Amino acid sequence: MVPAAGVLLAGGLTLDSRYQVSEFQVAASAERTQWFLDFSDGAAWHVKDISRTDADVALDWVLLPAAPVGFVASEHFSRLNKVQPSVLPNASGRGMTTRNQSDTQLALRGRVRTSLAVDVGGFLKVGTISVGTGPLYLPPDRDYRLGRGPAVQVQWNFFPRTAFIVDGRYERFSWFGAHTAAGDSYRLNVAVNGRLSKVVLVNAGLGYGYGRFDNGTAFRPLDGLLVAAKFAWRPFIGWQLSAGYEKGWEDSFFTDYLTWHYGYGSWQRMLSSSLGLDVEGGVRFETYRGSMSTTDLFIRGEAGVLWVPNSWSELELGVGVWKRASAGLDVPGHFTATVRW
């Protein structure tokens, strides 16, 4: 383990406007991780070179929400940074892979009674990926991804706070820039979201997908199975135990495809109305396959003390550990002191 110290600053905003004619929601969050001390002198990499800023913005608009036929529009923008895959040149832990993506969806919504809604429309996904942005790199390579296609979703609210959802989409995608490729894929998912009881919450989905590149290479990692499941148990107010698992795949900008398994869990206990404890951790296993192949294992854990002065803010002081282990390169783990607001 390599000791280091840093600060994590996070903030968020949610707006919700509901009228008889339209509904509008905005949710935005941003997170800055800044490493300012690094005690790994003489090592092949430095923690301070993976400081990053992540952001997420989601907008949803529904026109005529109670009418038999309405209109739905949504926009989801995200900026996500992660340590470069170990197979890439100069991937010694310095620098990040930065992905910016915009996902716009438009659809007509038909309602059958109040519990069943069917959305039929399409989507446009535009994204960029920058590789090698660390201070010891040459100017970063940049790739551009364009995805578009039709999408259908059926949602049945069989309980007031629980929904059964089936959605499918076909996507035609293209890569431009430092790497060029094109292909198509389809996905079908079935999910249940909401409360199973007064103390159990569930967000679980199971799906299948298939994709291929225009040159005939098919990517069907693990038979294309898609899994996203999260369960939370709240036996009483101020106590929650959560666990989740994700399994998925996507086309990659530098090789054929990426598959991943991600397991995580958390425990939160409020000792009083404003003071509590928080413990969380996760393990993510990534596999890249194609012209370039590698496996990366990411491990993280964190424990902290929570202070909740009011309903709109929260302060957490804690310690954490993070490590990446790869088939071709290990990035040593490090302990951190964290501050979140």
Protein backbone atom coordinates (compact mmCIF):
# COMPACT_ATOMS: atom_id res chain seq x y z
CA MET A 1 0.00 0.00 0.00
CA VAL A 2 1.18 3.52 -0.86
CA PRO A 3 0.06 6.26 1.58
CA ALA A 4 -1.49 9.39 0.14
CA ALA A 5 -3.83 12.19 1.17
CA GLY A 6 -6.52 13.99 -0.75
CA VAL A 7 -9.84 15.78 -0.65
CA LEU A 8 -13.11 14.76 -2.25
CA LEU A 9 -15.68 17.54 -2.74
CA ALA A 10 -19.16 16.65 -3.94
CA GLY A 11 -22.39 18.57 -4.45
CA GLY A 12 -25.80 18.01 -5.99
CA LEU A 13 -29.04 19.74 -6.94
CA THR A 14 -32.54 18.40 -7.66
CA LEU A 15 -35.51 20.37 -9.03
CA ASP A 16 -38.99 18.93 -9.54
CA SER A 17 -41.87 20.82 -11.17
CA ARG A 18 -45.25 19.11 -11.69
CA TYR A 19 -48.31 20.60 -13.35
CA GLN A 20 -51.37 19.16 -15.03
CA VAL A 21 -49.98 19.95 -18.49
CA SER A 22 -46.33 19.05 -17.98
CA GLU A 23 -43.76 17.61 -15.58
CA PHE A 24 -40.10 18.67 -15.45
CA GLN A 25 -37.22 17.27 -13.40
CA VAL A 26 -33.54 18.22 -13.16
CA ALA A 27 -30.88 16.35 -11.20
CA ALA A 28 -27.24 17.47 -11.23
CA SER A 29 -24.16 16.42 -9.28
CA ALA A 30 -20.41 17.01 -9.43
CA GLU A 31 -17.44 15.51 -7.64
CA ARG A 32 -13.83 16.67 -7.45
CA THR A 33 -11.09 14.34 -6.19
CA GLN A 34 -7.84 16.20 -5.58
CA TRP A 35 -4.72 14.44 -4.36
CA PHE A 36 -2.37 16.98 -2.81
CA LEU A 37 0.12 14.77 -0.92
CA ASP A 38 1.96 11.78 -2.33
CA PHE A 39 4.50 9.77 -0.36
CA SER A 40 5.38 7.36 -3.20
CA ASP A 41 8.70 9.02 -4.14
CA GLY A 42 10.71 6.77 -6.40
CA ALA A 43 7.67 4.69 -7.42
CA ALA A 44 6.71 4.13 -11.06
CA TRP A 45 3.53 6.15 -10.63
CA HIS A 46 2.12 8.93 -8.47
CA VAL A 47 -1.31 9.23 -6.88
CA LYS A 48 -1.48 12.98 -7.46
CA ASP A 49 -1.55 12.36 -11.23
CA ILE A 50 -5.04 10.81 -11.02
CA SER A 51 -6.90 13.82 -9.62
CA ARG A 52 -10.19 14.17 -11.47
CA THR A 53 -13.57 15.88 -11.83
CA ASP A 54 -16.74 13.86 -12.50
CA ALA A 55 -20.19 15.25 -13.24
CA ASP A 56 -23.71 14.04 -14.02
CA VAL A 57 -26.76 16.00 -15.25
CA ALA A 58 -30.18 14.51 -16.03
CA LEU A 59 -33.21 16.37 -17.43
CA ASP A 60 -36.66 14.83 -17.95
CA TRP A 61 -39.72 16.50 -19.46
CA VAL A 62 -43.18 15.00 -19.93
CA LEU A 63 -45.87 16.81 -21.89
CA LEU A 64 -49.50 15.86 -21.12
CA PRO A 65 -48.58 13.29 -18.43
CA ALA A 66 -52.16 12.17 -17.76
CA ALA A 67 -53.43 12.20 -21.37
CA PRO A 68 -53.88 9.03 -23.46
CA VAL A 69 -51.05 10.25 -25.72
CA GLY A 70 -48.20 12.44 -24.52
CA PHE A 71 -44.60 13.34 -25.32
CA VAL A 72 -41.42 12.47 -23.40
CA ALA A 73 -37.97 14.04 -23.76
CA SER A 74 -34.83 13.41 -21.72
CA GLU A 75 -31.17 14.37 -21.73
CA HIS A 76 -28.43 12.71 -19.68
CA PHE A 77 -24.91 14.13 -19.69
CA SER A 78 -22.06 12.49 -17.80
CA ARG A 79 -18.34 13.03 -17.36
CA LEU A 80 -16.53 10.02 -15.95
CA ASN A 81 -12.82 9.52 -15.28
CA LYS A 82 -11.05 6.26 -14.55
CA VAL A 83 -7.47 5.02 -14.44
CA GLN A 84 -6.39 3.90 -17.91
CA PRO A 85 -6.63 0.21 -18.85
CA SER A 86 -3.27 -1.39 -18.15
CA VAL A 87 -2.86 -2.60 -21.76
CA LEU A 88 -2.66 0.94 -23.18
CA PRO A 89 0.77 2.51 -23.83
CA ASN A 90 2.18 4.45 -20.85
CA ALA A 91 -0.60 3.15 -18.61
CA SER A 92 1.58 3.26 -15.53
CA GLY A 93 -1.10 4.79 -13.34
CA ARG A 94 -0.47 8.38 -14.41
CA GLY A 95 -3.33 10.03 -16.24
CA MET A 96 -6.97 9.16 -16.68
CA THR A 97 -9.31 7.94 -19.37
CA THR A 98 -11.93 10.72 -19.52
CA ARG A 99 -15.32 9.99 -21.08
CA ASN A 100 -17.91 12.69 -21.83
CA GLN A 101 -21.27 11.45 -23.09
CA SER A 102 -24.63 12.96 -24.00
CA ASP A 103 -27.68 10.68 -24.34
CA THR A 104 -30.80 12.35 -25.78
CA GLN A 105 -34.12 10.49 -26.06
CA LEU A 106 -37.46 11.51 -27.60
CA ALA A 107 -40.63 9.39 -27.52
CA LEU A 108 -44.40 9.38 -27.79
CA ARG A 109 -46.07 7.98 -24.69
CA GLY A 110 -49.34 6.09 -24.84
CA ARG A 111 -51.28 5.35 -21.66
CA VAL A 112 -53.64 2.48 -20.99
CA ARG A 113 -55.43 3.38 -17.76
CA THR A 114 -53.15 4.99 -15.17
CA SER A 115 -50.87 2.04 -14.47
CA LEU A 116 -49.57 1.15 -17.95
CA ALA A 117 -47.44 3.37 -20.22
CA VAL A 118 -45.76 2.59 -23.54
CA ASP A 119 -42.95 4.79 -24.94
CA VAL A 120 -41.97 4.53 -28.61
CA GLY A 121 -39.18 6.74 -29.94
CA GLY A 122 -35.49 6.99 -30.58
CA PHE A 123 -32.20 8.14 -29.09
CA LEU A 124 -28.95 9.86 -30.03
CA LYS A 125 -25.72 9.27 -28.06
CA VAL A 126 -22.67 11.46 -28.67
CA GLY A 127 -19.47 10.95 -26.72
CA THR A 128 -15.74 11.61 -26.56
CA ILE A 129 -12.93 9.68 -24.89
CA SER A 130 -9.54 11.22 -24.09
CA VAL A 131 -6.64 8.96 -23.20
CA GLY A 132 -3.40 9.91 -21.48
CA THR A 133 -4.14 13.25 -19.85
CA GLY A 134 -1.49 12.98 -17.15
CA PRO A 135 1.32 15.56 -16.85
CA LEU A 136 3.94 13.13 -18.15
CA TYR A 137 2.03 12.28 -21.34
CA LEU A 138 2.13 13.67 -24.83
CA PRO A 139 -1.10 15.46 -25.89
CA PRO A 140 -3.90 12.94 -25.37
CA ASP A 141 -5.47 10.79 -28.06
CA ARG A 142 -9.15 11.59 -28.54
CA ASP A 143 -11.89 9.33 -29.88
CA TYR A 144 -15.48 10.21 -30.80
CA ARG A 145 -18.46 7.85 -30.59
CA LEU A 146 -21.85 8.33 -32.27
CA GLY A 147 -24.78 6.03 -31.49
CA ARG A 148 -28.40 6.26 -32.66
CA GLY A 149 -31.45 4.07 -33.09
CA PRO A 150 -35.04 3.26 -32.03
CA ALA A 151 -36.13 2.42 -28.49
CA VAL A 152 -39.29 1.01 -26.88
CA GLN A 153 -40.24 0.85 -23.19
CA VAL A 154 -43.27 -0.59 -21.41
CA GLN A 155 -43.86 0.27 -17.73
CA TRP A 156 -46.53 -1.31 -15.55
CA ASN A 157 -47.03 0.12 -12.04
CA PHE A 158 -48.58 -2.93 -10.41
CA PHE A 159 -48.12 -1.42 -6.92
CA PRO A 160 -48.22 2.31 -6.00
CA ARG A 161 -44.44 2.36 -5.48
CA THR A 162 -43.35 -0.63 -7.57
CA ALA A 163 -43.03 -0.96 -11.35
CA PHE A 164 -42.35 -3.72 -13.86
CA ILE A 165 -40.36 -2.41 -16.85
CA VAL A 166 -39.47 -3.95 -20.23
CA ASP A 167 -37.27 -1.94 -22.58
CA GLY A 168 -35.40 -2.67 -25.78
CA ARG A 169 -33.24 -0.71 -28.17
CA TYR A 170 -31.29 -1.15 -31.38
CA GLU A 171 -28.14 0.93 -31.81
CA ARG A 172 -26.00 1.76 -34.80
CA PHE A 173 -22.62 3.04 -33.56
CA SER A 174 -19.50 4.55 -35.13
CA TRP A 175 -16.05 5.46 -33.76
CA PHE A 176 -13.97 8.32 -35.17
CA GLY A 177 -10.66 9.96 -34.31
CA ALA A 178 -7.60 8.05 -33.12
CA HIS A 179 -9.48 4.78 -33.75
CA THR A 180 -12.17 4.03 -36.36
CA ALA A 181 -14.81 1.30 -36.23
CA ALA A 182 -18.54 0.82 -36.83
CA GLY A 183 -21.17 -1.74 -35.99
CA ASP A 184 -24.57 -2.32 -34.42
CA SER A 185 -26.10 -3.93 -31.33
CA TYR A 186 -29.41 -4.64 -29.65
CA ARG A 187 -30.41 -5.03 -26.01
CA LEU A 188 -33.54 -6.23 -24.22
CA ASN A 189 -34.01 -5.76 -20.45
CA VAL A 190 -36.65 -6.71 -17.90
CA ALA A 191 -36.61 -4.99 -14.50
CA VAL A 192 -38.53 -4.55 -11.25
CA ASN A 193 -38.06 -1.26 -9.36
CA GLY A 194 -39.58 -0.24 -6.05
CA ARG A 195 -40.65 -1.70 -2.71
CA LEU A 196 -41.20 -5.41 -2.18
CA SER A 197 -42.27 -4.74 1.42
CA LYS A 198 -42.09 -1.99 4.04
CA VAL A 199 -38.43 -2.80 4.77
CA VAL A 200 -37.09 -4.21 1.44
CA LEU A 201 -36.34 -2.08 -1.62
CA VAL A 202 -35.28 -3.60 -4.93
CA ASN A 203 -33.94 -2.38 -8.25
CA ALA A 204 -33.23 -5.51 -10.27
CA GLY A 205 -32.93 -6.10 -14.00
CA LEU A 206 -31.99 -8.96 -16.29
CA GLY A 207 -31.33 -8.67 -20.01
CA TYR A 208 -29.56 -9.92 -23.10
CA GLY A 209 -27.65 -8.17 -25.84
CA TYR A 210 -25.79 -8.91 -29.04
CA GLY A 211 -23.48 -6.80 -31.15
CA ARG A 212 -21.16 -7.03 -34.12
CA PHE A 213 -18.69 -4.90 -36.01
CA ASP A 214 -19.00 -4.29 -39.73
CA ASN A 215 -15.90 -6.40 -40.38
CA GLY A 216 -17.78 -9.45 -39.14
CA THR A 217 -16.31 -9.65 -35.63
CA ALA A 218 -19.07 -10.49 -33.14
CA PHE A 219 -18.88 -9.56 -29.50
CA ARG A 220 -21.06 -11.70 -27.25
CA PRO A 221 -19.20 -11.73 -23.93
CA LEU A 222 -20.68 -14.24 -21.54
CA ASP A 223 -23.53 -14.90 -23.98
CA GLY A 224 -24.43 -11.22 -23.84
CA LEU A 225 -26.09 -11.50 -20.41
CA LEU A 226 -26.85 -8.17 -18.71
CA VAL A 227 -27.49 -7.94 -14.96
CA ALA A 228 -28.14 -4.98 -12.66
CA ALA A 229 -29.46 -5.75 -9.18
CA LYS A 230 -29.53 -3.73 -5.98
CA PHE A 231 -31.30 -4.61 -2.74
CA ALA A 232 -31.70 -2.51 0.39
CA TRP A 233 -32.96 -3.64 3.80
CA ARG A 234 -34.32 -1.02 6.19
CA PRO A 235 -35.64 -2.80 9.28
CA PHE A 236 -36.09 0.52 11.10
CA ILE A 237 -35.46 4.24 10.61
CA GLY A 238 -31.77 5.16 10.57
CA TRP A 239 -30.45 1.70 9.68
CA GLN A 240 -29.83 0.37 6.15
CA LEU A 241 -27.88 -2.51 4.62
CA SER A 242 -27.46 -2.53 0.82
CA ALA A 243 -25.87 -4.91 -1.67
CA GLY A 244 -25.66 -4.92 -5.46
CA TYR A 245 -24.23 -6.68 -8.48
CA GLU A 246 -23.79 -5.60 -12.10
CA LYS A 247 -22.68 -7.52 -15.18
CA GLY A 248 -22.50 -5.95 -18.62
CA TRP A 249 -20.55 -5.29 -21.79
CA GLU A 250 -19.95 -2.53 -24.32
CA ASP A 251 -17.92 -1.88 -27.46
CA SER A 252 -14.48 -0.41 -26.76
CA PHE A 253 -12.60 2.46 -28.37
CA PHE A 254 -9.23 0.66 -28.64
CA THR A 255 -10.20 -3.04 -28.95
CA ASP A 256 -13.36 -5.08 -29.62
CA TYR A 257 -15.24 -5.02 -26.33
CA LEU A 258 -15.17 -4.60 -22.56
CA THR A 259 -17.02 -6.86 -20.09
CA TRP A 260 -17.33 -6.25 -16.37
CA HIS A 261 -18.54 -7.72 -13.10
CA TYR A 262 -19.13 -5.32 -10.21
CA GLY A 263 -20.16 -6.25 -6.69
CA TYR A 264 -20.67 -3.68 -3.95
CA GLY A 265 -22.25 -3.17 -0.56
CA SER A 266 -22.80 -0.56 2.14
CA TRP A 267 -24.03 -0.20 5.72
CA GLN A 268 -25.32 2.98 7.29
CA ARG A 269 -26.37 3.51 10.89
CA MET A 270 -27.65 6.78 12.34
CA LEU A 271 -26.69 7.03 16.00
CA SER A 272 -28.82 10.13 16.45
CA SER A 273 -30.80 12.55 14.29
CA SER A 274 -27.57 14.14 13.00
CA LEU A 275 -24.70 11.69 13.67
CA GLY A 276 -24.09 8.33 12.00
CA LEU A 277 -21.66 5.73 10.66
CA ASP A 278 -21.12 4.75 7.01
CA VAL A 279 -19.18 1.76 5.62
CA GLU A 280 -19.03 0.85 1.93
CA GLY A 281 -16.89 -1.04 -0.56
CA GLY A 282 -16.82 -2.76 -3.93
CA VAL A 283 -14.88 -5.01 -6.29
CA ARG A 284 -14.96 -4.52 -10.07
CA PHE A 285 -13.44 -6.99 -12.54
CA GLU A 286 -12.94 -5.74 -16.13
CA THR A 287 -11.90 -7.77 -19.17
CA TYR A 288 -10.92 -6.28 -22.55
CA ARG A 289 -10.99 -8.63 -25.54
CA GLY A 290 -10.04 -8.21 -29.19
CA SER A 291 -6.89 -6.99 -30.90
CA MET A 292 -5.66 -5.89 -27.43
CA SER A 293 -6.57 -7.90 -24.32
CA THR A 294 -6.12 -7.42 -20.59
CA THR A 295 -7.88 -7.85 -17.25
CA ASP A 296 -8.09 -5.22 -14.50
CA LEU A 297 -9.28 -5.69 -10.93
CA PHE A 298 -10.37 -2.63 -8.92
CA ILE A 299 -10.86 -2.79 -5.15
CA ARG A 300 -12.16 0.05 -2.97
CA GLY A 301 -13.35 0.45 0.59
CA GLU A 302 -14.26 3.34 2.87
CA ALA A 303 -15.48 3.93 6.41
CA GLY A 304 -16.53 7.25 7.88
CA VAL A 305 -18.51 9.27 10.38
CA LEU A 306 -21.55 11.19 9.10
CA TRP A 307 -22.84 14.53 10.30
CA VAL A 308 -26.24 15.61 8.92
CA PRO A 309 -26.96 19.17 10.12
CA ASN A 310 -30.10 19.57 7.98
CA SER A 311 -32.11 17.95 5.19
CA TRP A 312 -30.01 19.35 2.33
CA SER A 313 -26.40 18.78 3.41
CA GLU A 314 -24.18 16.06 4.80
CA LEU A 315 -20.56 15.96 5.96
CA GLU A 316 -18.50 12.76 6.09
CA LEU A 317 -15.00 12.29 7.52
CA GLY A 318 -13.40 8.94 6.87
CA VAL A 319 -10.58 6.77 5.63
CA GLY A 320 -10.45 4.63 2.51
CA VAL A 321 -8.38 2.23 0.45
CA TRP A 322 -8.13 1.87 -3.33
CA LYS A 323 -6.13 -0.56 -5.48
CA ARG A 324 -5.90 -1.75 -9.10
CA ALA A 325 -4.40 -5.11 -9.99
CA SER A 326 -3.91 -6.04 -13.67
CA ALA A 327 -2.70 -8.92 -15.77
CA GLY A 328 0.11 -6.76 -17.13
CA LEU A 329 0.64 -4.11 -14.43
CA ASP A 330 -0.13 -3.57 -10.77
CA VAL A 331 -0.93 -0.10 -9.48
CA PRO A 332 -0.10 -0.24 -5.75
CA GLY A 333 -2.97 0.38 -3.38
CA HIS A 334 -3.15 3.44 -1.18
CA PHE A 335 -4.92 4.61 1.94
CA THR A 336 -6.65 7.96 1.87
CA ALA A 337 -8.28 10.43 4.21
CA THR A 338 -11.61 11.65 2.78
CA VAL A 339 -13.86 14.63 3.33
CA ARG A 340 -17.30 14.77 1.68
CA TRP A 341 -19.91 17.49 1.84
